[in-house]
Amino acid sequence: MHQCIEPSILYFGTPVVLISTLNDDATCNLAPMSSAFWLGWRCLLGLAAHSRTPQNMLRTGECVLNLPSVNEVAAVDRLALTTGSTPVPEAKRRKGYRHEADKFGIAGLTPIASETVAPPRVRECPVQLEAVVEAAHRLAQDDAAQRGSIICFEVRVQRVHVEQSVLMDGDANRIDPDKWRPLIMSFQQFHGLGPRLQASTLAKIPESLYRSPDVDRARRRRDAGRAEFPG
């Protein structure tokens, strides 16, 4: 039987993302989050508006979305309850957050240079998505108690880096869902994916039919860069 309940959170399960951005002093910030979903080469990210990451994204207009696998769970957890903001925002202070300037060092992760944006990628993450901010939307503007506290970003991916071990055999442009094991956050607990349950009817649709114009836009930029700086 179903019953009516009032859970404080509705995090039913989404992939963990480590967002890397640049601080105003040119140092790197790295923040874990899981309110994210993708459509084509666009992604929507929900963040607490007063945190360092959204402030950096609003100022610079760019970021890297690093997707950890289940193998990076310990590194992700070392970032828990840390913030790049100082002083620590009151809402985070009440939850036990502390300021940490060196997020990569705390997590034991390695920054590596990106190709199209200034923030670094995370070497250990099997998937790294360089992205630019296309729009920012304030949520809960109808509620005086929440107004200004939540912001949702639309970002456009312009470079995709994927570890070879999760690619589909015989197709360099497809990720194999039987090899890719993303780290999932569900109701504040870490989870992984189980084995495939059964074949999906939707899988009969060629992935190429979902191809977004953003893919060609990113390719034109990449090719233009190679022409400008050959070799």
C-alpha atoms as a PDB file:
ATOM      1  CA  MET A   1       0.000   0.000   0.000  1.00  0.00           C
ATOM      2  CA  HIS A   2       1.069   3.585  -0.638  1.00  0.00           C
ATOM      3  CA  GLN A   3       0.883   6.228   2.045  1.00  0.00           C
ATOM      4  CA  CYS A   4       1.292   9.990   2.077  1.00  0.00           C
ATOM      5  CA  ILE A   5       4.584  11.138   3.666  1.00  0.00           C
ATOM      6  CA  GLU A   6       6.562  14.383   3.967  1.00  0.00           C
ATOM      7  CA  PRO A   7      10.260  13.598   3.368  1.00  0.00           C
ATOM      8  CA  SER A   8      12.611  16.542   3.892  1.00  0.00           C
ATOM      9  CA  ILE A   9      14.519  15.713   0.699  1.00  0.00           C
ATOM     10  CA  LEU A  10      13.613  14.088  -2.617  1.00  0.00           C
ATOM     11  CA  TYR A  11      17.023  12.893  -3.789  1.00  0.00           C
ATOM     12  CA  PHE A  12      15.853   9.651  -5.367  1.00  0.00           C
ATOM     13  CA  GLY A  13      19.204   9.003  -7.046  1.00  0.00           C
ATOM     14  CA  THR A  14      21.354  11.005  -9.459  1.00  0.00           C
ATOM     15  CA  PRO A  15      25.006  10.844 -10.551  1.00  0.00           C
ATOM     16  CA  VAL A  16      27.607  12.615  -8.466  1.00  0.00           C
ATOM     17  CA  VAL A  17      29.411  15.456 -10.250  1.00  0.00           C
ATOM     18  CA  LEU A  18      32.637  17.145  -9.178  1.00  0.00           C
ATOM     19  CA  ILE A  19      32.448  20.688 -10.553  1.00  0.00           C
ATOM     20  CA  SER A  20      35.782  22.433 -10.983  1.00  0.00           C
ATOM     21  CA  THR A  21      35.827  26.228 -11.293  1.00  0.00           C
ATOM     22  CA  LEU A  22      38.307  29.060 -10.883  1.00  0.00           C
ATOM     23  CA  ASN A  23      38.232  31.333  -7.838  1.00  0.00           C
ATOM     24  CA  ASP A  24      38.722  35.077  -8.226  1.00  0.00           C
ATOM     25  CA  ASP A  25      42.361  34.678  -7.153  1.00  0.00           C
ATOM     26  CA  ALA A  26      42.925  32.119  -9.970  1.00  0.00           C
ATOM     27  CA  THR A  27      43.083  29.153  -7.579  1.00  0.00           C
ATOM     28  CA  CYS A  28      40.934  26.080  -8.246  1.00  0.00           C
ATOM     29  CA  ASN A  29      37.733  25.117  -6.494  1.00  0.00           C
ATOM     30  CA  LEU A  30      36.260  21.615  -6.583  1.00  0.00           C
ATOM     31  CA  ALA A  31      32.748  20.881  -5.345  1.00  0.00           C
ATOM     32  CA  PRO A  32      30.699  17.671  -5.232  1.00  0.00           C
ATOM     33  CA  MET A  33      27.025  17.848  -6.149  1.00  0.00           C
ATOM     34  CA  SER A  34      24.316  15.550  -7.510  1.00  0.00           C
ATOM     35  CA  SER A  35      21.389  17.728  -8.607  1.00  0.00           C
ATOM     36  CA  ALA A  36      22.246  17.362 -12.285  1.00  0.00           C
ATOM     37  CA  PHE A  37      20.763  15.975 -15.471  1.00  0.00           C
ATOM     38  CA  TRP A  38      21.659  16.021 -19.162  1.00  0.00           C
ATOM     39  CA  LEU A  39      19.747  16.654 -22.367  1.00  0.00           C
ATOM     40  CA  GLY A  40      21.906  16.303 -25.445  1.00  0.00           C
ATOM     41  CA  TRP A  41      25.100  18.260 -24.796  1.00  0.00           C
ATOM     42  CA  ARG A  42      23.342  20.542 -22.304  1.00  0.00           C
ATOM     43  CA  CYS A  43      23.224  19.983 -18.575  1.00  0.00           C
ATOM     44  CA  LEU A  44      21.141  21.513 -15.774  1.00  0.00           C
ATOM     45  CA  LEU A  45      22.827  21.966 -12.409  1.00  0.00           C
ATOM     46  CA  GLY A  46      21.032  22.906  -9.207  1.00  0.00           C
ATOM     47  CA  LEU A  47      23.202  24.603  -6.578  1.00  0.00           C
ATOM     48  CA  ALA A  48      22.971  26.626  -3.381  1.00  0.00           C
ATOM     49  CA  ALA A  49      23.274  30.189  -4.677  1.00  0.00           C
ATOM     50  CA  HIS A  50      25.645  31.478  -2.006  1.00  0.00           C
ATOM     51  CA  SER A  51      28.256  28.738  -2.419  1.00  0.00           C
ATOM     52  CA  ARG A  52      31.606  29.364  -4.069  1.00  0.00           C
ATOM     53  CA  THR A  53      30.932  27.231  -7.172  1.00  0.00           C
ATOM     54  CA  PRO A  54      27.879  29.162  -8.450  1.00  0.00           C
ATOM     55  CA  GLN A  55      29.617  32.455  -7.684  1.00  0.00           C
ATOM     56  CA  ASN A  56      32.582  31.332  -9.776  1.00  0.00           C
ATOM     57  CA  MET A  57      30.323  30.143 -12.591  1.00  0.00           C
ATOM     58  CA  LEU A  58      28.433  33.437 -12.685  1.00  0.00           C
ATOM     59  CA  ARG A  59      31.698  35.392 -12.775  1.00  0.00           C
ATOM     60  CA  THR A  60      33.658  33.289 -15.300  1.00  0.00           C
ATOM     61  CA  GLY A  61      30.912  31.581 -17.301  1.00  0.00           C
ATOM     62  CA  GLU A  62      32.667  28.212 -17.375  1.00  0.00           C
ATOM     63  CA  CYS A  63      33.342  24.997 -15.472  1.00  0.00           C
ATOM     64  CA  VAL A  64      34.291  21.334 -15.845  1.00  0.00           C
ATOM     65  CA  LEU A  65      31.853  18.575 -14.905  1.00  0.00           C
ATOM     66  CA  ASN A  66      33.960  15.655 -13.699  1.00  0.00           C
ATOM     67  CA  LEU A  67      32.023  12.407 -13.267  1.00  0.00           C
ATOM     68  CA  PRO A  68      33.494  10.001 -10.726  1.00  0.00           C
ATOM     69  CA  SER A  69      32.946   6.279 -10.908  1.00  0.00           C
ATOM     70  CA  VAL A  70      32.310   4.071  -7.906  1.00  0.00           C
ATOM     71  CA  ASN A  71      36.099   3.746  -7.602  1.00  0.00           C
ATOM     72  CA  GLU A  72      36.434   7.416  -6.589  1.00  0.00           C
ATOM     73  CA  VAL A  73      33.887   7.289  -3.766  1.00  0.00           C
ATOM     74  CA  ALA A  74      36.473   7.802  -0.983  1.00  0.00           C
ATOM     75  CA  ALA A  75      37.908  10.872  -2.691  1.00  0.00           C
ATOM     76  CA  VAL A  76      34.448  12.360  -3.151  1.00  0.00           C
ATOM     77  CA  ASP A  77      33.584  11.711   0.491  1.00  0.00           C
ATOM     78  CA  ARG A  78      36.715  13.565   1.625  1.00  0.00           C
ATOM     79  CA  LEU A  79      35.171  16.695   0.113  1.00  0.00           C
ATOM     80  CA  ALA A  80      32.029  16.334   2.202  1.00  0.00           C
ATOM     81  CA  LEU A  81      31.322  19.224   4.576  1.00  0.00           C
ATOM     82  CA  THR A  82      33.998  21.427   2.971  1.00  0.00           C
ATOM     83  CA  THR A  83      33.471  24.733   1.211  1.00  0.00           C
ATOM     84  CA  GLY A  84      35.662  27.130  -0.704  1.00  0.00           C
ATOM     85  CA  SER A  85      33.720  30.077   0.709  1.00  0.00           C
ATOM     86  CA  THR A  86      35.150  32.137   3.534  1.00  0.00           C
ATOM     87  CA  PRO A  87      33.531  33.025   5.773  1.00  0.00           C
ATOM     88  CA  VAL A  88      31.443  29.863   5.656  1.00  0.00           C
ATOM     89  CA  PRO A  89      27.840  30.743   4.701  1.00  0.00           C
ATOM     90  CA  GLU A  90      25.549  30.531   7.708  1.00  0.00           C
ATOM     91  CA  ALA A  91      23.364  27.800   6.197  1.00  0.00           C
ATOM     92  CA  LYS A  92      26.454  25.631   5.650  1.00  0.00           C
ATOM     93  CA  ARG A  93      27.964  26.496   9.040  1.00  0.00           C
ATOM     94  CA  ARG A  94      24.838  25.125  10.740  1.00  0.00           C
ATOM     95  CA  LYS A  95      25.327  21.851   8.856  1.00  0.00           C
ATOM     96  CA  GLY A  96      28.950  21.535   9.998  1.00  0.00           C
ATOM     97  CA  TYR A  97      30.830  22.732   6.910  1.00  0.00           C
ATOM     98  CA  ARG A  98      34.380  24.077   7.208  1.00  0.00           C
ATOM     99  CA  HIS A  99      36.455  26.191   4.837  1.00  0.00           C
ATOM    100  CA  GLU A 100      39.106  24.396   2.773  1.00  0.00           C
ATOM    101  CA  ALA A 101      41.148  26.281   0.171  1.00  0.00           C
ATOM    102  CA  ASP A 102      42.869  23.262  -1.396  1.00  0.00           C
ATOM    103  CA  LYS A 103      39.988  21.043  -2.475  1.00  0.00           C
ATOM    104  CA  PHE A 104      42.102  18.900  -4.813  1.00  0.00           C
ATOM    105  CA  GLY A 105      44.631  18.310  -2.027  1.00  0.00           C
ATOM    106  CA  ILE A 106      41.969  17.394   0.547  1.00  0.00           C
ATOM    107  CA  ALA A 107      40.391  14.905  -1.845  1.00  0.00           C
ATOM    108  CA  GLY A 108      43.698  13.457  -3.045  1.00  0.00           C
ATOM    109  CA  LEU A 109      42.808  14.229  -6.652  1.00  0.00           C
ATOM    110  CA  THR A 110      44.945  15.595  -9.488  1.00  0.00           C
ATOM    111  CA  PRO A 111      44.156  18.720 -11.546  1.00  0.00           C
ATOM    112  CA  ILE A 112      45.040  18.572 -15.238  1.00  0.00           C
ATOM    113  CA  ALA A 113      44.688  21.264 -17.890  1.00  0.00           C
ATOM    114  CA  SER A 114      41.478  21.608 -19.875  1.00  0.00           C
ATOM    115  CA  GLU A 115      41.447  22.416 -23.586  1.00  0.00           C
ATOM    116  CA  THR A 116      38.640  24.963 -23.957  1.00  0.00           C
ATOM    117  CA  VAL A 117      38.073  26.403 -20.466  1.00  0.00           C
ATOM    118  CA  ALA A 118      40.311  27.681 -17.685  1.00  0.00           C
ATOM    119  CA  PRO A 119      39.218  25.391 -14.802  1.00  0.00           C
ATOM    120  CA  PRO A 120      41.155  22.120 -14.612  1.00  0.00           C
ATOM    121  CA  ARG A 121      39.830  18.624 -15.112  1.00  0.00           C
ATOM    122  CA  VAL A 122      40.118  15.860 -12.499  1.00  0.00           C
ATOM    123  CA  ARG A 123      42.533  13.251 -13.811  1.00  0.00           C
ATOM    124  CA  GLU A 124      41.050  10.391 -11.784  1.00  0.00           C
ATOM    125  CA  CYS A 125      37.476  10.867 -13.049  1.00  0.00           C
ATOM    126  CA  PRO A 126      36.680   8.628 -16.048  1.00  0.00           C
ATOM    127  CA  VAL A 127      34.474  11.312 -17.619  1.00  0.00           C
ATOM    128  CA  GLN A 128      35.370  15.008 -17.856  1.00  0.00           C
ATOM    129  CA  LEU A 129      33.059  17.509 -19.567  1.00  0.00           C
ATOM    130  CA  GLU A 130      34.319  21.012 -20.326  1.00  0.00           C
ATOM    131  CA  ALA A 131      31.359  23.393 -20.322  1.00  0.00           C
ATOM    132  CA  VAL A 132      30.271  27.013 -20.578  1.00  0.00           C
ATOM    133  CA  VAL A 133      27.324  28.673 -18.842  1.00  0.00           C
ATOM    134  CA  GLU A 134      24.466  29.549 -21.189  1.00  0.00           C
ATOM    135  CA  ALA A 135      21.860  30.646 -18.635  1.00  0.00           C
ATOM    136  CA  ALA A 136      21.226  30.938 -14.910  1.00  0.00           C
ATOM    137  CA  HIS A 137      17.774  30.705 -13.354  1.00  0.00           C
ATOM    138  CA  ARG A 138      16.805  31.588  -9.795  1.00  0.00           C
ATOM    139  CA  LEU A 139      14.478  28.980  -8.279  1.00  0.00           C
ATOM    140  CA  ALA A 140      11.695  29.385  -5.714  1.00  0.00           C
ATOM    141  CA  GLN A 141      11.254  33.086  -6.494  1.00  0.00           C
ATOM    142  CA  ASP A 142       7.616  32.730  -5.431  1.00  0.00           C
ATOM    143  CA  ASP A 143       8.622  31.914  -1.839  1.00  0.00           C
ATOM    144  CA  ALA A 144      10.085  34.688   0.310  1.00  0.00           C
ATOM    145  CA  ALA A 145      11.733  32.144   2.627  1.00  0.00           C
ATOM    146  CA  GLN A 146      13.664  30.503  -0.249  1.00  0.00           C
ATOM    147  CA  ARG A 147      14.050  33.398  -2.678  1.00  0.00           C
ATOM    148  CA  GLY A 148      17.687  33.882  -3.688  1.00  0.00           C
ATOM    149  CA  SER A 149      18.937  30.663  -2.104  1.00  0.00           C
ATOM    150  CA  ILE A 150      18.790  28.257  -5.086  1.00  0.00           C
ATOM    151  CA  ILE A 151      20.159  28.726  -8.582  1.00  0.00           C
ATOM    152  CA  CYS A 152      19.936  26.457 -11.605  1.00  0.00           C
ATOM    153  CA  PHE A 153      22.536  26.668 -14.371  1.00  0.00           C
ATOM    154  CA  GLU A 154      22.165  25.588 -17.973  1.00  0.00           C
ATOM    155  CA  VAL A 155      25.609  24.700 -19.254  1.00  0.00           C
ATOM    156  CA  ARG A 156      26.661  23.643 -22.743  1.00  0.00           C
ATOM    157  CA  VAL A 157      29.298  20.934 -23.045  1.00  0.00           C
ATOM    158  CA  GLN A 158      32.012  21.739 -25.585  1.00  0.00           C
ATOM    159  CA  ARG A 159      34.609  19.033 -25.002  1.00  0.00           C
ATOM    160  CA  VAL A 160      34.137  15.447 -23.764  1.00  0.00           C
ATOM    161  CA  HIS A 161      37.038  13.412 -22.353  1.00  0.00           C
ATOM    162  CA  VAL A 162      36.342   9.743 -21.576  1.00  0.00           C
ATOM    163  CA  GLU A 163      38.586   7.020 -20.186  1.00  0.00           C
ATOM    164  CA  GLN A 164      39.121   4.360 -22.866  1.00  0.00           C
ATOM    165  CA  SER A 165      38.152   1.558 -20.488  1.00  0.00           C
ATOM    166  CA  VAL A 166      34.475   2.617 -20.529  1.00  0.00           C
ATOM    167  CA  LEU A 167      34.136   3.002 -24.305  1.00  0.00           C
ATOM    168  CA  MET A 168      32.101   0.553 -26.356  1.00  0.00           C
ATOM    169  CA  ASP A 169      34.152  -1.985 -28.269  1.00  0.00           C
ATOM    170  CA  GLY A 170      34.325  -1.017 -31.929  1.00  0.00           C
ATOM    171  CA  ASP A 171      32.833   2.469 -31.447  1.00  0.00           C
ATOM    172  CA  ALA A 172      35.129   5.236 -30.192  1.00  0.00           C
ATOM    173  CA  ASN A 173      32.230   7.683 -29.732  1.00  0.00           C
ATOM    174  CA  ARG A 174      29.951   5.610 -27.518  1.00  0.00           C
ATOM    175  CA  ILE A 175      30.137   4.871 -23.810  1.00  0.00           C
ATOM    176  CA  ASP A 176      29.321   1.278 -22.882  1.00  0.00           C
ATOM    177  CA  PRO A 177      26.701   1.306 -20.090  1.00  0.00           C
ATOM    178  CA  ASP A 178      27.861  -2.151 -19.020  1.00  0.00           C
ATOM    179  CA  LYS A 179      31.359  -0.757 -18.375  1.00  0.00           C
ATOM    180  CA  TRP A 180      30.516   2.682 -16.997  1.00  0.00           C
ATOM    181  CA  ARG A 181      29.751   2.570 -13.286  1.00  0.00           C
ATOM    182  CA  PRO A 182      28.864   6.101 -12.138  1.00  0.00           C
ATOM    183  CA  LEU A 183      28.807   7.059  -8.489  1.00  0.00           C
ATOM    184  CA  ILE A 184      25.189   7.687  -7.479  1.00  0.00           C
ATOM    185  CA  MET A 185      23.875   9.762  -4.579  1.00  0.00           C
ATOM    186  CA  SER A 186      20.523   8.616  -3.203  1.00  0.00           C
ATOM    187  CA  PHE A 187      19.093  10.188  -0.049  1.00  0.00           C
ATOM    188  CA  GLN A 188      22.594  11.249   1.098  1.00  0.00           C
ATOM    189  CA  GLN A 189      24.084   7.776   0.619  1.00  0.00           C
ATOM    190  CA  PHE A 190      26.546   6.584  -2.042  1.00  0.00           C
ATOM    191  CA  HIS A 191      25.399   3.849  -4.396  1.00  0.00           C
ATOM    192  CA  GLY A 192      26.524   2.239  -7.634  1.00  0.00           C
ATOM    193  CA  LEU A 193      24.626   0.701 -10.519  1.00  0.00           C
ATOM    194  CA  GLY A 194      23.784  -2.977 -10.569  1.00  0.00           C
ATOM    195  CA  PRO A 195      23.958  -5.218 -13.648  1.00  0.00           C
ATOM    196  CA  ARG A 196      21.655  -4.639 -16.595  1.00  0.00           C
ATOM    197  CA  LEU A 197      18.160  -5.940 -15.851  1.00  0.00           C
ATOM    198  CA  GLN A 198      17.061  -6.607 -19.408  1.00  0.00           C
ATOM    199  CA  ALA A 199      17.446  -5.236 -22.919  1.00  0.00           C
ATOM    200  CA  SER A 200      15.723  -1.888 -23.486  1.00  0.00           C
ATOM    201  CA  THR A 201      13.391  -1.306 -26.412  1.00  0.00           C
ATOM    202  CA  LEU A 202      14.696   2.280 -26.599  1.00  0.00           C
ATOM    203  CA  ALA A 203      18.189   0.922 -27.239  1.00  0.00           C
ATOM    204  CA  LYS A 204      16.989  -0.063 -30.714  1.00  0.00           C
ATOM    205  CA  ILE A 205      17.019   3.639 -31.629  1.00  0.00           C
ATOM    206  CA  PRO A 206      20.443   4.609 -33.026  1.00  0.00           C
ATOM    207  CA  GLU A 207      22.185   7.064 -30.715  1.00  0.00           C
ATOM    208  CA  SER A 208      22.998   9.183 -33.766  1.00  0.00           C
ATOM    209  CA  LEU A 209      19.320  10.191 -33.975  1.00  0.00           C
ATOM    210  CA  TYR A 210      19.715  12.035 -30.682  1.00  0.00           C
ATOM    211  CA  ARG A 211      22.740  13.976 -31.904  1.00  0.00           C
ATOM    212  CA  SER A 212      22.510  17.636 -30.935  1.00  0.00           C
ATOM    213  CA  PRO A 213      23.716  20.601 -33.033  1.00  0.00           C
ATOM    214  CA  ASP A 214      25.930  21.399 -30.025  1.00  0.00           C
ATOM    215  CA  VAL A 215      28.127  18.439 -30.992  1.00  0.00           C
ATOM    216  CA  ASP A 216      28.901  19.955 -34.386  1.00  0.00           C
ATOM    217  CA  ARG A 217      29.343  23.366 -32.780  1.00  0.00           C
ATOM    218  CA  ALA A 218      31.958  21.922 -30.449  1.00  0.00           C
ATOM    219  CA  ARG A 219      33.654  20.088 -33.337  1.00  0.00           C
ATOM    220  CA  ARG A 220      33.919  23.287 -35.393  1.00  0.00           C
ATOM    221  CA  ARG A 221      35.586  25.012 -32.461  1.00  0.00           C
ATOM    222  CA  ARG A 222      37.988  22.116 -31.988  1.00  0.00           C
ATOM    223  CA  ASP A 223      38.889  22.005 -35.682  1.00  0.00           C
ATOM    224  CA  ALA A 224      39.368  25.770 -35.790  1.00  0.00           C
ATOM    225  CA  GLY A 225      41.768  25.543 -32.865  1.00  0.00           C
ATOM    226  CA  ARG A 226      43.792  22.838 -34.589  1.00  0.00           C
ATOM    227  CA  ALA A 227      43.995  24.936 -37.762  1.00  0.00           C
ATOM    228  CA  GLU A 228      45.163  27.961 -35.784  1.00  0.00           C
ATOM    229  CA  PHE A 229      47.737  25.959 -33.822  1.00  0.00           C
ATOM    230  CA  PRO A 230      48.744  23.010 -36.067  1.00  0.00           C
ATOM    231  CA  GLY A 231      50.845  20.212 -34.646  1.00  0.00           C
END
